[in-house]
Amino acid sequence: MGFRITFLGTGGGRHTTMYQTRCTGGFLIEHDGKFLHVDPGPGALAQMQRIRYDLTRTDSVIVSHCHPDHYSDAESVIEGITRGGWVKRGSLYGSRTVMEGSGGLGPALSRYHLTLPERTRVFEPGDVLDVDGMRTEVCVAKHSDPTNVGFRFDTGNGTLSYVSDTEYSDEIADQYRGSRVLLLPITTPSGNRIRYHMCTDDAISFVERVRPELAIFVHLGVVILRKGPDAQARMVEDATGVRTMAAEDLMTLDIGDELRLGKAETHEEPWIPDSAP
C-alpha cells in the first residue's frame, strides 16, 4: 500500500514555535495501511483538522525528545490512538526525558496518558524498533536534551532518515549513510551556527557524507525563514550535486520506485469526523 510522509509542520525552535511562523506539528508516516506520527508539536492537531485526517486512524507515536516543539500535541495524539482513552491500543515510543523525566527535563506526558496505549517503549541509541512492522533504527544525536535521538525508517523502498535536532559531527552524519531520503533539521542559515543545532553549512557537510537521493530541510527557524529556505537549500544542492529542498507545511512525499512530491488537500471549515462519539 506504499509509503507516504505528510509534513504537518516544517518549523522548529523557540521562536518559530511561539509565533507559528511555520507549524511545528512533526510528520505523519503512512506505511502499509498503518499511521505513525513523529514528533507532534504545536500545530499538529490544527493541521490534521485542515486535511481531514481522523486522528483515530493513528496507530503509533514517536517523540524524539523533551522539547515542546516535538511533544506538545502528543497527549491528544495518544487520545486519538486510544479512541479517547476507551480502547487500549497502539504504541508509544519516547526518549527517557519524554517518558520518565531526567536532568530537569520532563516527563512530557502525564502518568494517565502513559497508561493508555497498549505498548510503551523508552528507546536509546542503538535500539531497533518494530513499529507496526516497520524496522526503525535509533541513532545518536548531540542536543541540549542529551536523550534526543534520530531515526532510520525502512520504507521497503530504501531508508528514510530523520536526523532530529543535533549538532553536526562526521560520526553523527555517518550513521545515516545509505539513506535514500534524508530529513535534516536546519534551524539557521549559512554563517549562523548555534549550539546544538545545524545551519546550512552543516547541511553541506552532512549531505556530502551521506549522499542521499533527496535531502529535505525541516525544523526551520525564524532566521532561515527570513533568509529564504529555498535559496539555502539550493546552496547545498549546488555544493554537493545532491537534490536538496526545503519542506513546506502539508507537503507530501511518496516513496516508491520513484520519489513523488505533492500537497495535501486542505479545508478551512470546521469538520467533525464520523468516528467522533
C-alpha atoms as a PDB file:
ATOM      1  CA  MET A   1       0.000   0.000   0.000  1.00  0.00           C
ATOM      2  CA  GLY A   2       3.039   2.244  -0.218  1.00  0.00           C
ATOM      3  CA  PHE A   3       4.818   4.729   1.982  1.00  0.00           C
ATOM      4  CA  ARG A   4       3.837   8.386   2.327  1.00  0.00           C
ATOM      5  CA  ILE A   5       5.041  11.239   4.537  1.00  0.00           C
ATOM      6  CA  THR A   6       2.801  14.222   5.237  1.00  0.00           C
ATOM      7  CA  PHE A   7       4.682  17.155   6.753  1.00  0.00           C
ATOM      8  CA  LEU A   8       2.264  18.594   9.303  1.00  0.00           C
ATOM      9  CA  GLY A   9       4.804  21.229  10.282  1.00  0.00           C
ATOM     10  CA  THR A  10       8.207  22.233   8.974  1.00  0.00           C
ATOM     11  CA  GLY A  11       9.179  24.802  11.607  1.00  0.00           C
ATOM     12  CA  GLY A  12      11.238  24.346  14.741  1.00  0.00           C
ATOM     13  CA  GLY A  13      12.959  26.185  17.530  1.00  0.00           C
ATOM     14  CA  ARG A  14      11.559  28.521  20.165  1.00  0.00           C
ATOM     15  CA  HIS A  15      10.566  31.493  18.051  1.00  0.00           C
ATOM     16  CA  THR A  16       9.059  29.640  15.104  1.00  0.00           C
ATOM     17  CA  THR A  17       7.072  27.660  17.667  1.00  0.00           C
ATOM     18  CA  MET A  18       5.976  30.721  19.666  1.00  0.00           C
ATOM     19  CA  TYR A  19       4.728  32.601  16.627  1.00  0.00           C
ATOM     20  CA  GLN A  20       3.794  29.591  14.474  1.00  0.00           C
ATOM     21  CA  THR A  21       5.634  31.198  11.571  1.00  0.00           C
ATOM     22  CA  ARG A  22       5.555  27.646  10.298  1.00  0.00           C
ATOM     23  CA  CYS A  23       3.581  24.913  12.005  1.00  0.00           C
ATOM     24  CA  THR A  24       5.618  22.648  14.256  1.00  0.00           C
ATOM     25  CA  GLY A  25       3.467  19.534  14.093  1.00  0.00           C
ATOM     26  CA  GLY A  26       6.038  16.937  13.038  1.00  0.00           C
ATOM     27  CA  PHE A  27       5.009  14.489  10.338  1.00  0.00           C
ATOM     28  CA  LEU A  28       2.741  11.551   9.624  1.00  0.00           C
ATOM     29  CA  ILE A  29       4.078   8.371   8.040  1.00  0.00           C
ATOM     30  CA  GLU A  30       1.628   6.062   6.289  1.00  0.00           C
ATOM     31  CA  HIS A  31       3.144   2.640   5.721  1.00  0.00           C
ATOM     32  CA  ASP A  32       1.225  -0.423   4.553  1.00  0.00           C
ATOM     33  CA  GLY A  33      -2.035   0.996   5.868  1.00  0.00           C
ATOM     34  CA  LYS A  34      -0.616   1.938   9.289  1.00  0.00           C
ATOM     35  CA  PHE A  35      -0.081   5.506  10.529  1.00  0.00           C
ATOM     36  CA  LEU A  36       2.830   6.711  12.649  1.00  0.00           C
ATOM     37  CA  HIS A  37       3.032  10.265  13.998  1.00  0.00           C
ATOM     38  CA  VAL A  38       6.573  11.523  14.607  1.00  0.00           C
ATOM     39  CA  ASP A  39       7.153  14.471  16.975  1.00  0.00           C
ATOM     40  CA  PRO A  40       3.652  16.012  17.215  1.00  0.00           C
ATOM     41  CA  GLY A  41       4.432  19.531  18.417  1.00  0.00           C
ATOM     42  CA  PRO A  42       2.278  22.699  18.252  1.00  0.00           C
ATOM     43  CA  GLY A  43       0.151  22.852  15.137  1.00  0.00           C
ATOM     44  CA  ALA A  44      -0.241  19.101  14.678  1.00  0.00           C
ATOM     45  CA  LEU A  45      -3.911  18.989  15.664  1.00  0.00           C
ATOM     46  CA  ALA A  46      -4.844  22.056  13.618  1.00  0.00           C
ATOM     47  CA  GLN A  47      -3.098  20.689  10.536  1.00  0.00           C
ATOM     48  CA  MET A  48      -4.820  17.312  10.848  1.00  0.00           C
ATOM     49  CA  GLN A  49      -8.151  19.142  11.019  1.00  0.00           C
ATOM     50  CA  ARG A  50      -7.252  21.070   7.839  1.00  0.00           C
ATOM     51  CA  ILE A  51      -6.506  17.892   5.853  1.00  0.00           C
ATOM     52  CA  ARG A  52      -9.490  15.970   7.269  1.00  0.00           C
ATOM     53  CA  TYR A  53      -7.259  13.389   8.911  1.00  0.00           C
ATOM     54  CA  ASP A  54      -9.105  11.328  11.521  1.00  0.00           C
ATOM     55  CA  LEU A  55      -6.751  11.040  14.494  1.00  0.00           C
ATOM     56  CA  THR A  56      -8.268   7.702  15.498  1.00  0.00           C
ATOM     57  CA  ARG A  57      -6.567   6.188  12.431  1.00  0.00           C
ATOM     58  CA  THR A  58      -3.155   6.689  14.049  1.00  0.00           C
ATOM     59  CA  ASP A  59      -1.505   3.501  15.288  1.00  0.00           C
ATOM     60  CA  SER A  60       1.718   4.726  16.909  1.00  0.00           C
ATOM     61  CA  VAL A  61       3.538   7.869  18.014  1.00  0.00           C
ATOM     62  CA  ILE A  62       7.252   8.562  18.434  1.00  0.00           C
ATOM     63  CA  VAL A  63       8.607  11.522  20.397  1.00  0.00           C
ATOM     64  CA  SER A  64      12.330  12.065  19.880  1.00  0.00           C
ATOM     65  CA  HIS A  65      12.994  14.330  22.872  1.00  0.00           C
ATOM     66  CA  CYS A  66      11.527  16.565  25.555  1.00  0.00           C
ATOM     67  CA  HIS A  67      11.208  19.956  23.855  1.00  0.00           C
ATOM     68  CA  PRO A  68       7.692  21.335  23.263  1.00  0.00           C
ATOM     69  CA  ASP A  69       8.111  21.807  19.508  1.00  0.00           C
ATOM     70  CA  HIS A  70       8.333  17.993  19.411  1.00  0.00           C
ATOM     71  CA  TYR A  71       5.846  16.839  22.053  1.00  0.00           C
ATOM     72  CA  SER A  72       3.157  19.403  22.943  1.00  0.00           C
ATOM     73  CA  ASP A  73       0.315  17.727  20.986  1.00  0.00           C
ATOM     74  CA  ALA A  74       1.394  14.172  21.838  1.00  0.00           C
ATOM     75  CA  GLU A  75      -1.145  13.616  24.606  1.00  0.00           C
ATOM     76  CA  SER A  76      -4.004  14.420  22.224  1.00  0.00           C
ATOM     77  CA  VAL A  77      -2.477  12.097  19.640  1.00  0.00           C
ATOM     78  CA  ILE A  78      -2.420   9.335  22.276  1.00  0.00           C
ATOM     79  CA  GLU A  79      -6.085  10.002  22.995  1.00  0.00           C
ATOM     80  CA  GLY A  80      -6.788   9.670  19.282  1.00  0.00           C
ATOM     81  CA  ILE A  81      -4.918   6.372  19.070  1.00  0.00           C
ATOM     82  CA  THR A  82      -6.912   5.012  22.029  1.00  0.00           C
ATOM     83  CA  ARG A  83     -10.311   6.352  20.894  1.00  0.00           C
ATOM     84  CA  GLY A  84     -10.394   8.961  23.629  1.00  0.00           C
ATOM     85  CA  GLY A  85      -8.837   6.608  26.171  1.00  0.00           C
ATOM     86  CA  TRP A  86     -11.619   3.998  25.859  1.00  0.00           C
ATOM     87  CA  VAL A  87      -9.698   1.393  23.836  1.00  0.00           C
ATOM     88  CA  LYS A  88      -6.274   0.147  24.867  1.00  0.00           C
ATOM     89  CA  ARG A  89      -4.431   0.058  21.574  1.00  0.00           C
ATOM     90  CA  GLY A  90      -1.399   1.372  19.739  1.00  0.00           C
ATOM     91  CA  SER A  91       2.195   2.088  20.650  1.00  0.00           C
ATOM     92  CA  LEU A  92       4.063   4.980  22.240  1.00  0.00           C
ATOM     93  CA  TYR A  93       7.824   5.376  21.864  1.00  0.00           C
ATOM     94  CA  GLY A  94       9.828   8.109  23.561  1.00  0.00           C
ATOM     95  CA  SER A  95      13.199   9.113  24.918  1.00  0.00           C
ATOM     96  CA  ARG A  96      13.853   8.843  28.650  1.00  0.00           C
ATOM     97  CA  THR A  97      13.155  12.537  29.274  1.00  0.00           C
ATOM     98  CA  VAL A  98       9.824  12.280  27.453  1.00  0.00           C
ATOM     99  CA  MET A  99       8.643   9.169  29.250  1.00  0.00           C
ATOM    100  CA  GLU A 100      10.255   9.363  32.693  1.00  0.00           C
ATOM    101  CA  GLY A 101      11.984  12.734  33.042  1.00  0.00           C
ATOM    102  CA  SER A 102      15.693  13.211  33.601  1.00  0.00           C
ATOM    103  CA  GLY A 103      18.096  16.045  34.353  1.00  0.00           C
ATOM    104  CA  GLY A 104      15.351  18.599  34.932  1.00  0.00           C
ATOM    105  CA  LEU A 105      13.566  17.805  31.667  1.00  0.00           C
ATOM    106  CA  GLY A 106      10.152  16.154  31.592  1.00  0.00           C
ATOM    107  CA  PRO A 107       8.390  13.931  31.775  1.00  0.00           C
ATOM    108  CA  ALA A 108       6.490  15.361  28.816  1.00  0.00           C
ATOM    109  CA  LEU A 109       3.465  13.090  29.214  1.00  0.00           C
ATOM    110  CA  SER A 110       1.131  12.630  32.145  1.00  0.00           C
ATOM    111  CA  ARG A 111       1.036   9.348  34.059  1.00  0.00           C
ATOM    112  CA  TYR A 112      -2.510   8.930  32.838  1.00  0.00           C
ATOM    113  CA  HIS A 113      -1.550   9.184  29.152  1.00  0.00           C
ATOM    114  CA  LEU A 114       1.331   6.769  29.647  1.00  0.00           C
ATOM    115  CA  THR A 115      -1.207   4.117  30.713  1.00  0.00           C
ATOM    116  CA  LEU A 116      -3.458   4.443  27.662  1.00  0.00           C
ATOM    117  CA  PRO A 117      -1.529   2.753  24.804  1.00  0.00           C
ATOM    118  CA  GLU A 118      -1.225  -0.998  24.566  1.00  0.00           C
ATOM    119  CA  ARG A 119       2.566  -0.751  24.327  1.00  0.00           C
ATOM    120  CA  THR A 120       5.119   1.809  25.562  1.00  0.00           C
ATOM    121  CA  ARG A 121       8.856   1.810  24.962  1.00  0.00           C
ATOM    122  CA  VAL A 122      11.706   4.022  26.176  1.00  0.00           C
ATOM    123  CA  PHE A 123      14.390   3.942  23.499  1.00  0.00           C
ATOM    124  CA  GLU A 124      18.120   4.643  23.397  1.00  0.00           C
ATOM    125  CA  PRO A 125      20.633   4.946  20.555  1.00  0.00           C
ATOM    126  CA  GLY A 126      21.369   1.548  19.069  1.00  0.00           C
ATOM    127  CA  ASP A 127      17.869   0.194  19.638  1.00  0.00           C
ATOM    128  CA  VAL A 128      15.955  -1.328  16.728  1.00  0.00           C
ATOM    129  CA  LEU A 129      12.173  -0.937  16.953  1.00  0.00           C
ATOM    130  CA  ASP A 130       9.425  -2.807  15.157  1.00  0.00           C
ATOM    131  CA  VAL A 131       6.881  -0.028  14.590  1.00  0.00           C
ATOM    132  CA  ASP A 132       3.802  -1.783  13.256  1.00  0.00           C
ATOM    133  CA  GLY A 133       6.004  -3.938  11.045  1.00  0.00           C
ATOM    134  CA  MET A 134       8.418  -1.145  10.021  1.00  0.00           C
ATOM    135  CA  ARG A 135      12.046  -1.593  11.068  1.00  0.00           C
ATOM    136  CA  THR A 136      13.183   1.590  12.805  1.00  0.00           C
ATOM    137  CA  GLU A 137      16.776   2.163  13.940  1.00  0.00           C
ATOM    138  CA  VAL A 138      17.540   4.662  16.713  1.00  0.00           C
ATOM    139  CA  CYS A 139      20.611   6.885  16.175  1.00  0.00           C
ATOM    140  CA  VAL A 140      22.814   9.133  18.312  1.00  0.00           C
ATOM    141  CA  ALA A 141      22.253  12.915  18.397  1.00  0.00           C
ATOM    142  CA  LYS A 142      24.042  15.725  20.248  1.00  0.00           C
ATOM    143  CA  HIS A 143      21.480  18.152  21.631  1.00  0.00           C
ATOM    144  CA  SER A 144      20.612  20.131  24.758  1.00  0.00           C
ATOM    145  CA  ASP A 145      18.316  17.239  25.670  1.00  0.00           C
ATOM    146  CA  PRO A 146      21.011  14.552  25.929  1.00  0.00           C
ATOM    147  CA  THR A 147      18.461  11.757  25.392  1.00  0.00           C
ATOM    148  CA  ASN A 148      17.456  13.030  21.956  1.00  0.00           C
ATOM    149  CA  VAL A 149      17.865  10.640  19.022  1.00  0.00           C
ATOM    150  CA  GLY A 150      17.395  10.374  15.284  1.00  0.00           C
ATOM    151  CA  PHE A 151      15.788   7.564  13.291  1.00  0.00           C
ATOM    152  CA  ARG A 152      16.262   5.407  10.200  1.00  0.00           C
ATOM    153  CA  PHE A 153      12.945   4.078   8.858  1.00  0.00           C
ATOM    154  CA  ASP A 154      12.919   1.136   6.447  1.00  0.00           C
ATOM    155  CA  THR A 155      10.319   2.107   3.839  1.00  0.00           C
ATOM    156  CA  GLY A 156      10.577  -1.050   1.747  1.00  0.00           C
ATOM    157  CA  ASN A 157      11.999   1.189  -0.996  1.00  0.00           C
ATOM    158  CA  GLY A 158      15.075   2.487   0.748  1.00  0.00           C
ATOM    159  CA  THR A 159      15.769   4.195   4.049  1.00  0.00           C
ATOM    160  CA  LEU A 160      14.085   7.404   5.173  1.00  0.00           C
ATOM    161  CA  SER A 161      16.207   9.081   7.839  1.00  0.00           C
ATOM    162  CA  TYR A 162      15.041  11.773  10.247  1.00  0.00           C
ATOM    163  CA  VAL A 163      18.059  13.263  11.965  1.00  0.00           C
ATOM    164  CA  SER A 164      16.177  15.306  14.608  1.00  0.00           C
ATOM    165  CA  ASP A 165      17.858  18.211  16.432  1.00  0.00           C
ATOM    166  CA  THR A 166      21.619  17.862  16.742  1.00  0.00           C
ATOM    167  CA  GLU A 167      24.982  19.497  16.298  1.00  0.00           C
ATOM    168  CA  TYR A 168      26.985  18.306  13.311  1.00  0.00           C
ATOM    169  CA  SER A 169      29.786  15.780  13.515  1.00  0.00           C
ATOM    170  CA  ASP A 170      31.151  13.332  10.980  1.00  0.00           C
ATOM    171  CA  GLU A 171      30.246  10.487  13.337  1.00  0.00           C
ATOM    172  CA  ILE A 172      26.618  11.598  13.553  1.00  0.00           C
ATOM    173  CA  ALA A 173      26.356  12.001   9.786  1.00  0.00           C
ATOM    174  CA  ASP A 174      27.935   8.611   9.101  1.00  0.00           C
ATOM    175  CA  GLN A 175      25.079   6.850  10.915  1.00  0.00           C
ATOM    176  CA  TYR A 176      22.809   7.848   8.022  1.00  0.00           C
ATOM    177  CA  ARG A 177      24.915   6.578   5.135  1.00  0.00           C
ATOM    178  CA  GLY A 178      22.814   4.536   2.773  1.00  0.00           C
ATOM    179  CA  SER A 179      19.745   6.745   3.274  1.00  0.00           C
ATOM    180  CA  ARG A 180      17.601   7.335   0.225  1.00  0.00           C
ATOM    181  CA  VAL A 181      15.809  10.339   1.747  1.00  0.00           C
ATOM    182  CA  LEU A 182      17.383  12.491   4.458  1.00  0.00           C
ATOM    183  CA  LEU A 183      15.278  14.830   6.629  1.00  0.00           C
ATOM    184  CA  LEU A 184      17.693  17.406   8.023  1.00  0.00           C
ATOM    185  CA  PRO A 185      16.773  19.843  10.835  1.00  0.00           C
ATOM    186  CA  ILE A 186      18.357  23.050   9.544  1.00  0.00           C
ATOM    187  CA  THR A 187      17.476  25.733  12.058  1.00  0.00           C
ATOM    188  CA  THR A 188      19.690  28.586  10.841  1.00  0.00           C
ATOM    189  CA  PRO A 189      21.164  29.793   7.528  1.00  0.00           C
ATOM    190  CA  SER A 190      24.742  29.755   6.317  1.00  0.00           C
ATOM    191  CA  GLY A 191      27.138  31.619   8.611  1.00  0.00           C
ATOM    192  CA  ASN A 192      24.796  31.476  11.598  1.00  0.00           C
ATOM    193  CA  ARG A 193      25.622  28.315  13.515  1.00  0.00           C
ATOM    194  CA  ILE A 194      24.141  27.961  17.013  1.00  0.00           C
ATOM    195  CA  ARG A 195      24.891  25.362  19.653  1.00  0.00           C
ATOM    196  CA  TYR A 196      23.044  22.024  19.495  1.00  0.00           C
ATOM    197  CA  HIS A 197      21.585  22.734  16.031  1.00  0.00           C
ATOM    198  CA  MET A 198      22.672  22.753  12.401  1.00  0.00           C
ATOM    199  CA  CYS A 199      22.941  25.517   9.840  1.00  0.00           C
ATOM    200  CA  THR A 200      23.191  25.385   6.048  1.00  0.00           C
ATOM    201  CA  ASP A 201      26.980  24.982   6.213  1.00  0.00           C
ATOM    202  CA  ASP A 202      26.475  21.856   8.326  1.00  0.00           C
ATOM    203  CA  ALA A 203      23.914  20.607   5.816  1.00  0.00           C
ATOM    204  CA  ILE A 204      26.556  20.751   3.081  1.00  0.00           C
ATOM    205  CA  SER A 205      28.916  18.593   5.146  1.00  0.00           C
ATOM    206  CA  PHE A 206      26.123  16.216   6.131  1.00  0.00           C
ATOM    207  CA  VAL A 207      24.782  15.719   2.615  1.00  0.00           C
ATOM    208  CA  GLU A 208      28.283  15.328   1.192  1.00  0.00           C
ATOM    209  CA  ARG A 209      28.977  12.411   3.542  1.00  0.00           C
ATOM    210  CA  VAL A 210      25.579  10.671   3.233  1.00  0.00           C
ATOM    211  CA  ARG A 211      24.876  11.251  -0.485  1.00  0.00           C
ATOM    212  CA  PRO A 212      21.115  10.559  -0.381  1.00  0.00           C
ATOM    213  CA  GLU A 213      18.875  10.670  -3.416  1.00  0.00           C
ATOM    214  CA  LEU A 214      16.981  13.569  -1.814  1.00  0.00           C
ATOM    215  CA  ALA A 215      17.747  15.831   1.163  1.00  0.00           C
ATOM    216  CA  ILE A 216      14.926  17.836   2.746  1.00  0.00           C
ATOM    217  CA  PHE A 217      15.269  20.730   5.212  1.00  0.00           C
ATOM    218  CA  VAL A 218      12.885  20.617   8.181  1.00  0.00           C
ATOM    219  CA  HIS A 219      12.801  22.300  11.634  1.00  0.00           C
ATOM    220  CA  LEU A 220      13.215  25.744  10.068  1.00  0.00           C
ATOM    221  CA  GLY A 221      13.914  28.584  12.492  1.00  0.00           C
ATOM    222  CA  VAL A 222      12.838  32.195  12.048  1.00  0.00           C
ATOM    223  CA  VAL A 223      16.257  33.363  10.832  1.00  0.00           C
ATOM    224  CA  ILE A 224      16.435  30.886   7.970  1.00  0.00           C
ATOM    225  CA  LEU A 225      12.802  31.637   7.147  1.00  0.00           C
ATOM    226  CA  ARG A 226      13.719  35.335   6.845  1.00  0.00           C
ATOM    227  CA  LYS A 227      16.697  34.492   4.635  1.00  0.00           C
ATOM    228  CA  GLY A 228      14.664  32.179   2.415  1.00  0.00           C
ATOM    229  CA  PRO A 229      14.997  28.414   2.975  1.00  0.00           C
ATOM    230  CA  ASP A 230      14.638  27.586  -0.723  1.00  0.00           C
ATOM    231  CA  ALA A 231      17.755  29.606  -1.541  1.00  0.00           C
ATOM    232  CA  GLN A 232      19.612  27.969   1.341  1.00  0.00           C
ATOM    233  CA  ALA A 233      18.635  24.517   0.047  1.00  0.00           C
ATOM    234  CA  ARG A 234      19.869  25.428  -3.439  1.00  0.00           C
ATOM    235  CA  MET A 235      23.188  26.359  -1.855  1.00  0.00           C
ATOM    236  CA  VAL A 236      23.503  22.784  -0.586  1.00  0.00           C
ATOM    237  CA  GLU A 237      22.463  21.310  -3.928  1.00  0.00           C
ATOM    238  CA  ASP A 238      24.972  23.463  -5.804  1.00  0.00           C
ATOM    239  CA  ALA A 239      27.764  22.479  -3.413  1.00  0.00           C
ATOM    240  CA  THR A 240      27.046  18.730  -3.329  1.00  0.00           C
ATOM    241  CA  GLY A 241      25.203  17.871  -6.518  1.00  0.00           C
ATOM    242  CA  VAL A 242      22.531  16.154  -4.404  1.00  0.00           C
ATOM    243  CA  ARG A 243      18.911  17.160  -4.912  1.00  0.00           C
ATOM    244  CA  THR A 244      18.038  19.329  -1.892  1.00  0.00           C
ATOM    245  CA  MET A 245      14.871  21.195  -0.985  1.00  0.00           C
ATOM    246  CA  ALA A 246      13.175  22.928   1.932  1.00  0.00           C
ATOM    247  CA  ALA A 247       9.947  21.261   3.024  1.00  0.00           C
ATOM    248  CA  GLU A 248       6.679  23.204   3.159  1.00  0.00           C
ATOM    249  CA  ASP A 249       3.805  22.674   5.559  1.00  0.00           C
ATOM    250  CA  LEU A 250       1.425  19.945   4.315  1.00  0.00           C
ATOM    251  CA  MET A 251       3.822  18.819   1.610  1.00  0.00           C
ATOM    252  CA  THR A 252       3.626  15.087   0.901  1.00  0.00           C
ATOM    253  CA  LEU A 253       6.300  12.661  -0.273  1.00  0.00           C
ATOM    254  CA  ASP A 254       5.552   9.200  -1.654  1.00  0.00           C
ATOM    255  CA  ILE A 255       8.474   6.799  -1.557  1.00  0.00           C
ATOM    256  CA  GLY A 256       8.199   4.030  -4.119  1.00  0.00           C
ATOM    257  CA  ASP A 257      10.225   3.139  -7.182  1.00  0.00           C
ATOM    258  CA  GLU A 258      10.205   6.910  -7.691  1.00  0.00           C
ATOM    259  CA  LEU A 259      10.020   9.797  -5.218  1.00  0.00           C
ATOM    260  CA  ARG A 260       6.863  11.823  -5.758  1.00  0.00           C
ATOM    261  CA  LEU A 261       6.159  15.162  -4.116  1.00  0.00           C
ATOM    262  CA  GLY A 262       2.691  16.579  -3.644  1.00  0.00           C
ATOM    263  CA  LYS A 263       0.489  18.705  -1.408  1.00  0.00           C
ATOM    264  CA  ALA A 264      -2.256  17.521   0.916  1.00  0.00           C
ATOM    265  CA  GLU A 265      -5.744  18.769   0.136  1.00  0.00           C
ATOM    266  CA  THR A 266      -6.841  21.337   2.709  1.00  0.00           C
ATOM    267  CA  HIS A 267     -10.188  22.589   4.043  1.00  0.00           C
ATOM    268  CA  GLU A 268     -10.815  25.594   6.277  1.00  0.00           C
ATOM    269  CA  GLU A 269     -14.354  24.961   7.507  1.00  0.00           C
ATOM    270  CA  PRO A 270     -14.811  23.035  10.801  1.00  0.00           C
ATOM    271  CA  TRP A 271     -15.115  19.278  10.492  1.00  0.00           C
ATOM    272  CA  ILE A 272     -16.331  16.520  12.822  1.00  0.00           C
ATOM    273  CA  PRO A 273     -15.302  13.040  11.661  1.00  0.00           C
ATOM    274  CA  ASP A 274     -17.765  10.162  11.694  1.00  0.00           C
ATOM    275  CA  SER A 275     -15.681   8.426  14.372  1.00  0.00           C
ATOM    276  CA  ALA A 276     -16.433  11.138  16.929  1.00  0.00           C
ATOM    277  CA  PRO A 277     -18.938   9.920  19.574  1.00  0.00           C
END
